[in-house]
Amino acid sequence: MGSETFMDWDRGLYIVLSGALVAGAAFAQTSNKPSTADQRRIVRVGIAVMTNRSRRPAMPAWERNQLMRELQRLRADRKSSIVLEAVSLEATSREDASPEAEKKVCQYFVLTTLLDPSRGPGISGGPDGVQPAPVIIGNANPNQTLAIDFTILEVGAPRTLAEGTSTAPVEDNNDIRAADEAMRLVAHRVASELRKDRPPSFD
């Protein structure tokens, strides 16, 4: 074999080996990079029994379970590393729900209240007491609409993470179906809030 041929063969082998080393290093970097699944973080959220401060009949434990079912359906999102795990609570109030949620190793807990909305300032009252009625805007008839207030609280910290109100029309006098729909909307808002980036609490 001539010296030129040998040099060409040697140079070719060097290029092939160099390329293999570069490809191997790139593969190693890719392999060492944590996957989305590896980065997932489970957030346990306690769901309290709904409070009824509305004149409408309601099934508080059923609605708590509805919220849990919806959150289970929304537990994972491909755009978020957070996996939600809904935990059933028997409490209804903040004072009782907080220690129960802590005992069940939850980071957050959710309180919900069924209310009668109004056109202006007013009071919504029912079996579980009274509180200011949410004001609806638009053409919706308050007598044919129900509202569910929700509050997300952090376990062991005196701060409210988020709160809001979801409403649903009452069709064919079916209060339960309307409450189910309002709770479905609450679930979407709760899931969205729990997946937001927030600074840690130092309270």
N, C-alpha and C. Protein backbone atom coordinates (compact mmCIF):
# COMPACT_ATOMS: atom_id res chain seq x y z
N MET A 1 0.87 -1.19 0.00
CA MET A 1 0.00 0.00 0.00
C MET A 1 0.90 1.23 0.00
N GLY A 2 0.62 2.20 -0.88
CA GLY A 2 1.43 3.40 -0.98
C GLY A 2 1.23 4.30 0.23
N SER A 3 2.25 5.14 0.43
CA SER A 3 2.17 6.03 1.59
C SER A 3 1.00 6.99 1.51
N GLU A 4 0.68 7.46 0.28
CA GLU A 4 -0.44 8.41 0.14
C GLU A 4 -1.76 7.71 0.44
N THR A 5 -1.86 6.46 -0.07
CA THR A 5 -3.11 5.70 0.19
C THR A 5 -3.27 5.45 1.67
N PHE A 6 -2.15 5.10 2.33
CA PHE A 6 -2.19 4.84 3.77
C PHE A 6 -2.60 6.09 4.54
N MET A 7 -2.07 7.25 4.13
CA MET A 7 -2.40 8.49 4.82
C MET A 7 -3.86 8.84 4.63
N ASP A 8 -4.36 8.60 3.40
CA ASP A 8 -5.79 8.89 3.16
C ASP A 8 -6.67 7.99 4.02
N TRP A 9 -6.27 6.70 4.11
CA TRP A 9 -7.06 5.76 4.91
C TRP A 9 -7.01 6.14 6.39
N ASP A 10 -5.82 6.55 6.84
CA ASP A 10 -5.64 6.96 8.23
C ASP A 10 -6.45 8.21 8.54
N ARG A 11 -6.45 9.15 7.61
CA ARG A 11 -7.21 10.39 7.81
C ARG A 11 -8.71 10.09 7.86
N GLY A 12 -9.14 9.19 6.99
CA GLY A 12 -10.56 8.81 6.97
C GLY A 12 -10.99 8.15 8.26
N LEU A 13 -10.12 7.28 8.78
CA LEU A 13 -10.43 6.60 10.04
C LEU A 13 -10.52 7.61 11.18
N TYR A 14 -9.62 8.60 11.16
CA TYR A 14 -9.63 9.64 12.19
C TYR A 14 -10.93 10.43 12.16
N ILE A 15 -11.40 10.76 10.97
CA ILE A 15 -12.66 11.52 10.82
C ILE A 15 -13.84 10.70 11.34
N VAL A 16 -13.85 9.39 10.99
CA VAL A 16 -14.94 8.52 11.44
C VAL A 16 -14.95 8.42 12.97
N LEU A 17 -13.75 8.21 13.56
CA LEU A 17 -13.68 8.09 15.01
C LEU A 17 -14.06 9.39 15.71
N SER A 18 -13.62 10.52 15.15
CA SER A 18 -13.97 11.82 15.74
C SER A 18 -15.47 12.04 15.71
N GLY A 19 -16.08 11.71 14.57
CA GLY A 19 -17.53 11.86 14.46
C GLY A 19 -18.26 10.99 15.46
N ALA A 20 -17.74 9.75 15.66
CA ALA A 20 -18.37 8.85 16.61
C ALA A 20 -18.27 9.38 18.03
N LEU A 21 -17.11 9.96 18.36
CA LEU A 21 -16.93 10.53 19.70
C LEU A 21 -17.86 11.70 19.95
N VAL A 22 -18.01 12.58 18.96
CA VAL A 22 -18.90 13.73 19.09
C VAL A 22 -20.34 13.28 19.26
N ALA A 23 -20.73 12.29 18.43
CA ALA A 23 -22.10 11.78 18.52
C ALA A 23 -22.35 11.13 19.88
N GLY A 24 -21.33 10.40 20.37
CA GLY A 24 -21.46 9.75 21.67
C GLY A 24 -21.60 10.76 22.79
N ALA A 25 -20.83 11.85 22.72
CA ALA A 25 -20.91 12.89 23.75
C ALA A 25 -22.27 13.56 23.74
N ALA A 26 -22.78 13.83 22.53
CA ALA A 26 -24.10 14.47 22.42
C ALA A 26 -25.18 13.56 22.97
N PHE A 27 -25.05 12.24 22.68
CA PHE A 27 -26.04 11.28 23.18
C PHE A 27 -26.00 11.22 24.71
N ALA A 28 -24.76 11.25 25.23
CA ALA A 28 -24.62 11.20 26.69
C ALA A 28 -25.25 12.40 27.35
N GLN A 29 -25.07 13.60 26.73
CA GLN A 29 -25.67 14.81 27.30
C GLN A 29 -27.18 14.72 27.27
N THR A 30 -27.71 14.20 26.14
CA THR A 30 -29.16 14.06 26.02
C THR A 30 -29.69 13.06 27.02
N SER A 31 -28.93 11.95 27.20
CA SER A 31 -29.37 10.91 28.13
C SER A 31 -29.36 11.39 29.57
N ASN A 32 -28.38 12.26 29.90
CA ASN A 32 -28.27 12.74 31.26
C ASN A 32 -29.28 13.84 31.59
N LYS A 33 -29.86 14.45 30.57
CA LYS A 33 -30.84 15.51 30.79
C LYS A 33 -32.13 14.92 31.33
N PRO A 34 -32.64 15.40 32.47
CA PRO A 34 -33.87 14.84 33.04
C PRO A 34 -35.04 14.97 32.08
N SER A 35 -35.82 13.90 31.97
CA SER A 35 -37.01 13.94 31.14
C SER A 35 -38.12 14.68 31.87
N THR A 36 -39.19 15.00 31.14
CA THR A 36 -40.32 15.68 31.75
C THR A 36 -40.90 14.84 32.87
N ALA A 37 -40.91 13.51 32.63
CA ALA A 37 -41.46 12.61 33.65
C ALA A 37 -40.61 12.65 34.92
N ASP A 38 -39.27 12.74 34.75
CA ASP A 38 -38.39 12.79 35.91
C ASP A 38 -38.56 14.08 36.70
N GLN A 39 -38.96 15.16 36.02
CA GLN A 39 -39.09 16.46 36.66
C GLN A 39 -40.45 16.66 37.32
N ARG A 40 -41.35 15.73 37.16
CA ARG A 40 -42.71 15.91 37.67
C ARG A 40 -42.72 16.04 39.18
N ARG A 41 -43.60 16.92 39.66
CA ARG A 41 -43.73 17.16 41.10
C ARG A 41 -45.19 17.01 41.49
N ILE A 42 -45.45 16.14 42.46
CA ILE A 42 -46.82 15.89 42.89
C ILE A 42 -47.24 16.95 43.91
N VAL A 43 -48.39 17.56 43.66
CA VAL A 43 -48.97 18.54 44.59
C VAL A 43 -50.29 17.96 45.10
N ARG A 44 -50.33 17.71 46.40
CA ARG A 44 -51.55 17.17 47.02
C ARG A 44 -52.41 18.33 47.51
N VAL A 45 -53.68 18.30 47.11
CA VAL A 45 -54.60 19.37 47.47
C VAL A 45 -55.85 18.76 48.10
N GLY A 46 -56.15 19.18 49.32
CA GLY A 46 -57.33 18.69 50.02
C GLY A 46 -58.59 19.41 49.56
N ILE A 47 -59.67 18.67 49.37
CA ILE A 47 -60.94 19.24 48.91
C ILE A 47 -61.97 19.11 50.02
N ALA A 48 -62.36 20.25 50.59
CA ALA A 48 -63.33 20.24 51.69
C ALA A 48 -64.75 20.05 51.17
N VAL A 49 -65.63 19.62 52.05
CA VAL A 49 -67.06 19.50 51.70
C VAL A 49 -67.62 20.90 51.45
N MET A 50 -68.40 21.04 50.39
CA MET A 50 -68.95 22.35 50.03
C MET A 50 -69.90 22.88 51.10
N THR A 51 -69.85 24.17 51.32
CA THR A 51 -70.79 24.86 52.21
C THR A 51 -71.94 25.42 51.38
N ASN A 52 -73.17 25.32 51.90
CA ASN A 52 -74.34 25.83 51.18
C ASN A 52 -74.89 27.08 51.87
N ARG A 53 -74.61 28.24 51.29
CA ARG A 53 -75.18 29.49 51.77
C ARG A 53 -76.10 30.05 50.69
N SER A 54 -76.88 29.14 50.14
CA SER A 54 -77.83 29.46 49.08
C SER A 54 -79.20 28.93 49.47
N ARG A 55 -80.22 29.50 48.88
CA ARG A 55 -81.57 29.01 49.15
C ARG A 55 -81.86 27.72 48.37
N ARG A 56 -80.96 27.35 47.47
CA ARG A 56 -81.17 26.18 46.63
C ARG A 56 -80.79 24.89 47.36
N PRO A 57 -81.49 23.80 47.06
CA PRO A 57 -81.09 22.51 47.64
C PRO A 57 -79.75 22.08 47.04
N ALA A 58 -78.96 21.40 47.82
CA ALA A 58 -77.63 21.00 47.34
C ALA A 58 -77.20 19.71 48.02
N MET A 59 -76.21 19.06 47.41
CA MET A 59 -75.60 17.86 47.98
C MET A 59 -74.11 18.16 48.16
N PRO A 60 -73.75 18.74 49.31
CA PRO A 60 -72.37 19.21 49.52
C PRO A 60 -71.29 18.16 49.31
N ALA A 61 -71.49 16.95 49.85
CA ALA A 61 -70.47 15.91 49.69
C ALA A 61 -70.36 15.48 48.23
N TRP A 62 -71.50 15.43 47.55
CA TRP A 62 -71.50 15.09 46.12
C TRP A 62 -70.69 16.11 45.33
N GLU A 63 -70.88 17.38 45.63
CA GLU A 63 -70.16 18.42 44.88
C GLU A 63 -68.67 18.40 45.20
N ARG A 64 -68.31 18.08 46.44
CA ARG A 64 -66.89 17.89 46.75
C ARG A 64 -66.31 16.79 45.87
N ASN A 65 -67.07 15.69 45.74
CA ASN A 65 -66.60 14.57 44.92
C ASN A 65 -66.53 14.95 43.44
N GLN A 66 -67.46 15.80 43.00
CA GLN A 66 -67.42 16.27 41.62
C GLN A 66 -66.13 17.05 41.36
N LEU A 67 -65.78 17.92 42.30
CA LEU A 67 -64.55 18.69 42.15
C LEU A 67 -63.33 17.76 42.13
N MET A 68 -63.34 16.75 42.97
CA MET A 68 -62.24 15.80 42.98
C MET A 68 -62.13 15.04 41.66
N ARG A 69 -63.27 14.64 41.12
CA ARG A 69 -63.25 13.91 39.84
C ARG A 69 -62.70 14.78 38.72
N GLU A 70 -63.13 16.04 38.70
CA GLU A 70 -62.64 16.94 37.66
C GLU A 70 -61.14 17.19 37.80
N LEU A 71 -60.67 17.37 39.03
CA LEU A 71 -59.24 17.58 39.25
C LEU A 71 -58.44 16.34 38.89
N GLN A 72 -59.02 15.17 39.12
CA GLN A 72 -58.35 13.94 38.72
C GLN A 72 -58.19 13.90 37.21
N ARG A 73 -59.20 14.36 36.50
CA ARG A 73 -59.13 14.39 35.04
C ARG A 73 -58.09 15.40 34.56
N LEU A 74 -57.87 16.45 35.37
CA LEU A 74 -56.92 17.50 35.01
C LEU A 74 -55.58 17.34 35.71
N ARG A 75 -55.34 16.18 36.30
CA ARG A 75 -54.18 16.00 37.19
C ARG A 75 -52.85 16.24 36.49
N ALA A 76 -52.77 15.94 35.21
CA ALA A 76 -51.51 16.12 34.49
C ALA A 76 -51.72 17.02 33.28
N ASP A 77 -50.71 17.82 32.97
CA ASP A 77 -50.73 18.71 31.81
C ASP A 77 -49.35 18.64 31.17
N ARG A 78 -49.32 18.40 29.87
CA ARG A 78 -48.03 18.21 29.20
C ARG A 78 -47.16 19.47 29.24
N LYS A 79 -47.77 20.62 29.52
CA LYS A 79 -47.00 21.86 29.59
C LYS A 79 -46.52 22.18 31.00
N SER A 80 -46.87 21.34 31.95
CA SER A 80 -46.52 21.60 33.35
C SER A 80 -45.89 20.37 33.97
N SER A 81 -44.95 20.60 34.88
CA SER A 81 -44.30 19.50 35.60
C SER A 81 -45.10 19.09 36.83
N ILE A 82 -46.16 19.84 37.13
CA ILE A 82 -46.94 19.59 38.35
C ILE A 82 -48.04 18.57 38.08
N VAL A 83 -48.11 17.56 38.93
CA VAL A 83 -49.18 16.56 38.88
C VAL A 83 -50.06 16.77 40.10
N LEU A 84 -51.34 17.00 39.87
CA LEU A 84 -52.26 17.28 40.97
C LEU A 84 -52.85 15.99 41.54
N GLU A 85 -52.92 15.92 42.84
CA GLU A 85 -53.50 14.77 43.52
C GLU A 85 -54.56 15.28 44.49
N ALA A 86 -55.83 15.08 44.14
CA ALA A 86 -56.93 15.57 44.98
C ALA A 86 -57.18 14.60 46.14
N VAL A 87 -57.34 15.16 47.34
CA VAL A 87 -57.52 14.36 48.55
C VAL A 87 -58.83 14.78 49.21
N SER A 88 -59.68 13.83 49.53
CA SER A 88 -60.97 14.12 50.14
C SER A 88 -60.83 14.54 51.59
N LEU A 89 -61.50 15.66 51.94
CA LEU A 89 -61.57 16.12 53.33
C LEU A 89 -63.02 16.05 53.80
N GLU A 90 -63.20 15.82 55.09
CA GLU A 90 -64.55 15.79 55.67
C GLU A 90 -64.93 17.15 56.24
N ALA A 91 -63.97 18.02 56.42
CA ALA A 91 -64.22 19.34 57.00
C ALA A 91 -64.92 20.25 55.99
N THR A 92 -65.54 21.31 56.51
CA THR A 92 -66.17 22.32 55.67
C THR A 92 -65.55 23.70 55.88
N SER A 93 -65.03 23.96 57.08
CA SER A 93 -64.51 25.28 57.42
C SER A 93 -63.00 25.32 57.30
N ARG A 94 -62.48 26.53 57.22
CA ARG A 94 -61.02 26.73 57.17
C ARG A 94 -60.36 26.20 58.42
N GLU A 95 -60.98 26.45 59.58
CA GLU A 95 -60.39 26.04 60.85
C GLU A 95 -60.25 24.52 60.95
N ASP A 96 -61.22 23.79 60.42
CA ASP A 96 -61.17 22.33 60.49
C ASP A 96 -60.42 21.71 59.32
N ALA A 97 -60.51 22.36 58.16
CA ALA A 97 -59.90 21.78 56.95
C ALA A 97 -58.37 21.86 57.00
N SER A 98 -57.84 22.92 57.58
CA SER A 98 -56.39 23.10 57.58
C SER A 98 -55.66 21.97 58.32
N PRO A 99 -56.05 21.66 59.57
CA PRO A 99 -55.36 20.56 60.26
C PRO A 99 -55.61 19.20 59.61
N GLU A 100 -56.82 19.00 59.04
CA GLU A 100 -57.09 17.73 58.37
C GLU A 100 -56.23 17.59 57.12
N ALA A 101 -56.10 18.68 56.36
CA ALA A 101 -55.26 18.64 55.16
C ALA A 101 -53.80 18.39 55.53
N GLU A 102 -53.36 19.00 56.61
CA GLU A 102 -51.97 18.80 57.04
C GLU A 102 -51.75 17.35 57.46
N LYS A 103 -52.72 16.78 58.15
CA LYS A 103 -52.62 15.39 58.58
C LYS A 103 -52.56 14.45 57.38
N LYS A 104 -53.23 14.83 56.29
CA LYS A 104 -53.25 14.00 55.08
C LYS A 104 -52.15 14.40 54.09
N VAL A 105 -51.16 15.13 54.58
CA VAL A 105 -49.95 15.49 53.84
C VAL A 105 -50.29 16.26 52.56
N CYS A 106 -51.18 17.24 52.68
CA CYS A 106 -51.52 18.11 51.55
C CYS A 106 -50.72 19.41 51.67
N GLN A 107 -50.38 19.98 50.52
CA GLN A 107 -49.73 21.29 50.53
C GLN A 107 -50.76 22.42 50.51
N TYR A 108 -51.93 22.14 49.93
CA TYR A 108 -52.99 23.15 49.81
C TYR A 108 -54.34 22.51 50.12
N PHE A 109 -55.34 23.34 50.36
CA PHE A 109 -56.70 22.84 50.46
C PHE A 109 -57.66 23.87 49.85
N VAL A 110 -58.82 23.38 49.43
CA VAL A 110 -59.79 24.21 48.72
C VAL A 110 -61.11 24.22 49.47
N LEU A 111 -61.64 25.42 49.70
CA LEU A 111 -62.97 25.59 50.27
C LEU A 111 -63.91 26.08 49.18
N THR A 112 -65.14 25.56 49.15
CA THR A 112 -66.13 26.01 48.17
C THR A 112 -67.44 26.33 48.88
N THR A 113 -68.15 27.32 48.34
CA THR A 113 -69.42 27.76 48.93
C THR A 113 -70.43 28.02 47.82
N LEU A 114 -71.60 27.41 47.94
CA LEU A 114 -72.69 27.65 46.99
C LEU A 114 -73.44 28.91 47.40
N LEU A 115 -73.64 29.83 46.43
CA LEU A 115 -74.25 31.13 46.71
C LEU A 115 -75.30 31.48 45.67
N ASP A 116 -76.19 32.39 46.07
CA ASP A 116 -77.16 32.98 45.13
C ASP A 116 -76.61 34.32 44.67
N PRO A 117 -76.33 34.48 43.39
CA PRO A 117 -75.82 35.77 42.91
C PRO A 117 -76.92 36.82 42.86
N SER A 118 -76.52 38.08 42.71
CA SER A 118 -77.50 39.16 42.64
C SER A 118 -77.03 40.21 41.64
N ARG A 119 -77.90 41.15 41.33
CA ARG A 119 -77.56 42.23 40.40
C ARG A 119 -76.71 43.31 41.06
N GLY A 120 -76.87 43.45 42.34
CA GLY A 120 -76.13 44.47 43.09
C GLY A 120 -75.79 43.93 44.46
N PRO A 121 -75.34 44.80 45.36
CA PRO A 121 -75.00 44.35 46.71
C PRO A 121 -76.16 43.63 47.37
N GLY A 122 -75.88 42.49 47.96
CA GLY A 122 -76.94 41.72 48.61
C GLY A 122 -76.34 40.63 49.48
N ILE A 123 -77.22 39.86 50.08
CA ILE A 123 -76.81 38.78 50.98
C ILE A 123 -77.35 37.47 50.45
N SER A 124 -76.49 36.44 50.46
CA SER A 124 -76.91 35.09 50.12
C SER A 124 -76.94 34.27 51.39
N GLY A 125 -78.08 33.64 51.65
CA GLY A 125 -78.21 32.87 52.89
C GLY A 125 -78.77 31.49 52.64
N GLY A 126 -78.36 30.55 53.48
CA GLY A 126 -78.82 29.18 53.35
C GLY A 126 -78.58 28.39 54.61
N PRO A 127 -78.61 27.07 54.51
CA PRO A 127 -78.47 26.22 55.70
C PRO A 127 -77.18 26.44 56.48
N ASP A 128 -76.12 26.86 55.79
CA ASP A 128 -74.82 26.99 56.45
C ASP A 128 -74.43 28.44 56.75
N GLY A 129 -75.43 29.33 56.79
CA GLY A 129 -75.13 30.71 57.15
C GLY A 129 -75.30 31.67 55.99
N VAL A 130 -74.80 32.88 56.15
CA VAL A 130 -74.96 33.93 55.14
C VAL A 130 -73.61 34.55 54.83
N GLN A 131 -73.52 35.17 53.64
CA GLN A 131 -72.36 35.96 53.27
C GLN A 131 -72.75 36.84 52.09
N PRO A 132 -71.97 37.86 51.77
CA PRO A 132 -72.31 38.73 50.64
C PRO A 132 -72.50 37.93 49.35
N ALA A 133 -73.51 38.30 48.61
CA ALA A 133 -73.80 37.61 47.36
C ALA A 133 -72.88 38.11 46.24
N PRO A 134 -72.40 37.22 45.39
CA PRO A 134 -71.61 37.67 44.25
C PRO A 134 -72.48 38.44 43.26
N VAL A 135 -71.94 39.47 42.68
CA VAL A 135 -72.67 40.30 41.72
C VAL A 135 -72.38 39.79 40.31
N ILE A 136 -73.42 39.53 39.56
CA ILE A 136 -73.22 39.08 38.18
C ILE A 136 -73.38 40.26 37.23
N ILE A 137 -72.62 40.22 36.16
CA ILE A 137 -72.64 41.27 35.14
C ILE A 137 -73.11 40.67 33.82
N GLY A 138 -73.93 41.40 33.12
CA GLY A 138 -74.43 40.90 31.84
C GLY A 138 -75.92 40.70 31.89
N ASN A 139 -76.40 39.87 30.96
CA ASN A 139 -77.85 39.67 30.83
C ASN A 139 -78.37 38.47 31.59
N ALA A 140 -77.51 37.76 32.30
CA ALA A 140 -77.96 36.56 33.02
C ALA A 140 -78.96 36.92 34.11
N ASN A 141 -79.97 36.10 34.25
CA ASN A 141 -80.99 36.29 35.28
C ASN A 141 -80.47 35.70 36.59
N PRO A 142 -80.27 36.52 37.62
CA PRO A 142 -79.73 35.99 38.88
C PRO A 142 -80.62 34.93 39.50
N ASN A 143 -81.92 34.97 39.22
CA ASN A 143 -82.82 33.96 39.77
C ASN A 143 -82.67 32.61 39.06
N GLN A 144 -82.01 32.62 37.92
CA GLN A 144 -81.79 31.39 37.17
C GLN A 144 -80.29 31.09 37.05
N THR A 145 -79.54 31.57 38.02
CA THR A 145 -78.09 31.36 38.02
C THR A 145 -77.63 31.03 39.43
N LEU A 146 -76.70 30.12 39.54
CA LEU A 146 -76.08 29.87 40.85
C LEU A 146 -74.58 30.11 40.74
N ALA A 147 -73.97 30.34 41.88
CA ALA A 147 -72.54 30.64 41.92
C ALA A 147 -71.85 29.78 42.97
N ILE A 148 -70.60 29.45 42.69
CA ILE A 148 -69.78 28.74 43.66
C ILE A 148 -68.50 29.53 43.86
N ASP A 149 -68.32 30.00 45.08
CA ASP A 149 -67.07 30.66 45.47
C ASP A 149 -66.03 29.59 45.80
N PHE A 150 -64.78 29.85 45.44
CA PHE A 150 -63.73 28.93 45.86
C PHE A 150 -62.56 29.71 46.43
N THR A 151 -61.89 29.10 47.37
CA THR A 151 -60.69 29.67 47.97
C THR A 151 -59.64 28.58 48.08
N ILE A 152 -58.43 28.88 47.58
CA ILE A 152 -57.30 27.95 47.71
C ILE A 152 -56.38 28.49 48.80
N LEU A 153 -56.12 27.67 49.79
CA LEU A 153 -55.27 28.09 50.91
C LEU A 153 -54.08 27.17 51.04
N GLU A 154 -52.98 27.74 51.50
CA GLU A 154 -51.77 26.95 51.71
C GLU A 154 -51.78 26.38 53.12
N VAL A 155 -51.51 25.10 53.23
CA VAL A 155 -51.49 24.45 54.54
C VAL A 155 -50.32 24.97 55.37
N GLY A 156 -50.60 25.34 56.61
CA GLY A 156 -49.55 25.79 57.51
C GLY A 156 -49.11 27.22 57.29
N ALA A 157 -49.78 27.96 56.42
CA ALA A 157 -49.41 29.36 56.17
C ALA A 157 -50.69 30.19 56.14
N PRO A 158 -50.67 31.38 56.77
CA PRO A 158 -51.88 32.20 56.84
C PRO A 158 -52.12 33.03 55.58
N ARG A 159 -51.98 32.42 54.43
CA ARG A 159 -52.21 33.20 53.22
C ARG A 159 -53.14 32.46 52.28
N THR A 160 -53.92 33.25 51.54
CA THR A 160 -54.80 32.71 50.51
C THR A 160 -54.05 32.70 49.19
N LEU A 161 -53.97 31.53 48.57
CA LEU A 161 -53.25 31.41 47.31
C LEU A 161 -54.05 32.04 46.18
N ALA A 162 -55.35 31.77 46.14
CA ALA A 162 -56.22 32.33 45.09
C ALA A 162 -57.67 32.15 45.51
N GLU A 163 -58.54 32.97 44.93
CA GLU A 163 -59.97 32.84 45.18
C GLU A 163 -60.72 33.38 43.98
N GLY A 164 -61.97 32.97 43.86
CA GLY A 164 -62.77 33.42 42.73
C GLY A 164 -64.17 32.85 42.80
N THR A 165 -64.93 33.09 41.74
CA THR A 165 -66.32 32.64 41.68
C THR A 165 -66.60 32.10 40.28
N SER A 166 -67.28 30.97 40.22
CA SER A 166 -67.75 30.42 38.95
C SER A 166 -69.27 30.34 39.00
N THR A 167 -69.90 30.67 37.88
CA THR A 167 -71.37 30.64 37.82
C THR A 167 -71.83 29.69 36.72
N ALA A 168 -73.09 29.26 36.85
CA ALA A 168 -73.69 28.40 35.83
C ALA A 168 -75.19 28.66 35.81
N PRO A 169 -75.81 28.60 34.62
CA PRO A 169 -77.26 28.80 34.53
C PRO A 169 -78.01 27.58 35.05
N VAL A 170 -79.14 27.84 35.70
CA VAL A 170 -80.01 26.76 36.18
C VAL A 170 -81.07 26.52 35.11
N GLU A 171 -80.98 25.38 34.45
CA GLU A 171 -81.92 25.05 33.37
C GLU A 171 -82.85 23.95 33.83
N ASP A 172 -84.13 24.11 33.49
CA ASP A 172 -85.17 23.13 33.85
C ASP A 172 -85.23 22.89 35.36
N ASN A 173 -84.93 23.95 36.13
CA ASN A 173 -84.96 23.87 37.59
C ASN A 173 -84.05 22.77 38.15
N ASN A 174 -83.00 22.43 37.41
CA ASN A 174 -82.10 21.37 37.84
C ASN A 174 -80.89 22.00 38.55
N ASP A 175 -81.04 22.20 39.85
CA ASP A 175 -79.98 22.84 40.63
C ASP A 175 -78.70 22.01 40.69
N ILE A 176 -78.85 20.70 40.80
CA ILE A 176 -77.69 19.83 40.93
C ILE A 176 -76.84 19.85 39.66
N ARG A 177 -77.50 19.80 38.51
CA ARG A 177 -76.75 19.84 37.25
C ARG A 177 -76.01 21.17 37.10
N ALA A 178 -76.67 22.25 37.50
CA ALA A 178 -76.02 23.56 37.43
C ALA A 178 -74.83 23.63 38.38
N ALA A 179 -74.98 23.08 39.58
CA ALA A 179 -73.88 23.08 40.54
C ALA A 179 -72.72 22.23 40.02
N ASP A 180 -73.03 21.13 39.38
CA ASP A 180 -71.98 20.28 38.79
C ASP A 180 -71.19 21.05 37.74
N GLU A 181 -71.90 21.82 36.92
CA GLU A 181 -71.23 22.60 35.87
C GLU A 181 -70.36 23.71 36.48
N ALA A 182 -70.90 24.39 37.48
CA ALA A 182 -70.11 25.43 38.14
C ALA A 182 -68.87 24.83 38.80
N MET A 183 -69.00 23.64 39.38
CA MET A 183 -67.86 22.99 40.02
C MET A 183 -66.84 22.53 38.99
N ARG A 184 -67.30 22.18 37.80
CA ARG A 184 -66.36 21.82 36.73
C ARG A 184 -65.50 23.03 36.36
N LEU A 185 -66.12 24.20 36.31
CA LEU A 185 -65.38 25.42 36.02
C LEU A 185 -64.41 25.76 37.16
N VAL A 186 -64.86 25.52 38.39
CA VAL A 186 -63.97 25.74 39.54
C VAL A 186 -62.73 24.87 39.41
N ALA A 187 -62.91 23.62 39.02
CA ALA A 187 -61.78 22.69 38.90
C ALA A 187 -60.74 23.21 37.92
N HIS A 188 -61.19 23.74 36.79
CA HIS A 188 -60.25 24.27 35.80
C HIS A 188 -59.47 25.46 36.38
N ARG A 189 -60.16 26.30 37.12
CA ARG A 189 -59.49 27.47 37.70
C ARG A 189 -58.53 27.07 38.81
N VAL A 190 -58.92 26.10 39.62
CA VAL A 190 -58.04 25.61 40.69
C VAL A 190 -56.79 24.98 40.09
N ALA A 191 -56.97 24.14 39.08
CA ALA A 191 -55.81 23.49 38.45
C ALA A 191 -54.87 24.53 37.86
N SER A 192 -55.43 25.54 37.21
CA SER A 192 -54.61 26.59 36.60
C SER A 192 -53.83 27.36 37.67
N GLU A 193 -54.48 27.68 38.78
CA GLU A 193 -53.82 28.43 39.84
C GLU A 193 -52.69 27.62 40.49
N LEU A 194 -52.92 26.35 40.69
CA LEU A 194 -51.92 25.52 41.36
C LEU A 194 -50.70 25.26 40.48
N ARG A 195 -50.85 25.48 39.19
CA ARG A 195 -49.72 25.25 38.27
C ARG A 195 -48.92 26.53 38.00
N LYS A 196 -49.35 27.64 38.58
CA LYS A 196 -48.61 28.89 38.37
C LYS A 196 -47.33 28.91 39.17
N ASP A 197 -46.30 29.57 38.63
CA ASP A 197 -45.05 29.76 39.36
C ASP A 197 -45.24 30.88 40.37
N ARG A 198 -44.93 30.58 41.62
CA ARG A 198 -45.07 31.57 42.68
C ARG A 198 -43.84 31.54 43.58
N PRO A 199 -43.52 32.67 44.18
CA PRO A 199 -42.40 32.67 45.14
C PRO A 199 -42.78 31.85 46.35
N PRO A 200 -41.81 31.22 47.00
CA PRO A 200 -42.12 30.41 48.19
C PRO A 200 -42.64 31.27 49.33
N SER A 201 -43.44 30.64 50.19
CA SER A 201 -43.95 31.34 51.37
C SER A 201 -42.97 31.20 52.52
N PHE A 202 -42.68 32.31 53.21
CA PHE A 202 -41.80 32.28 54.37
C PHE A 202 -42.55 32.58 55.66
N ASP A 203 -43.89 32.49 55.59
CA ASP A 203 -44.70 32.78 56.79
C ASP A 203 -44.55 31.67 57.81
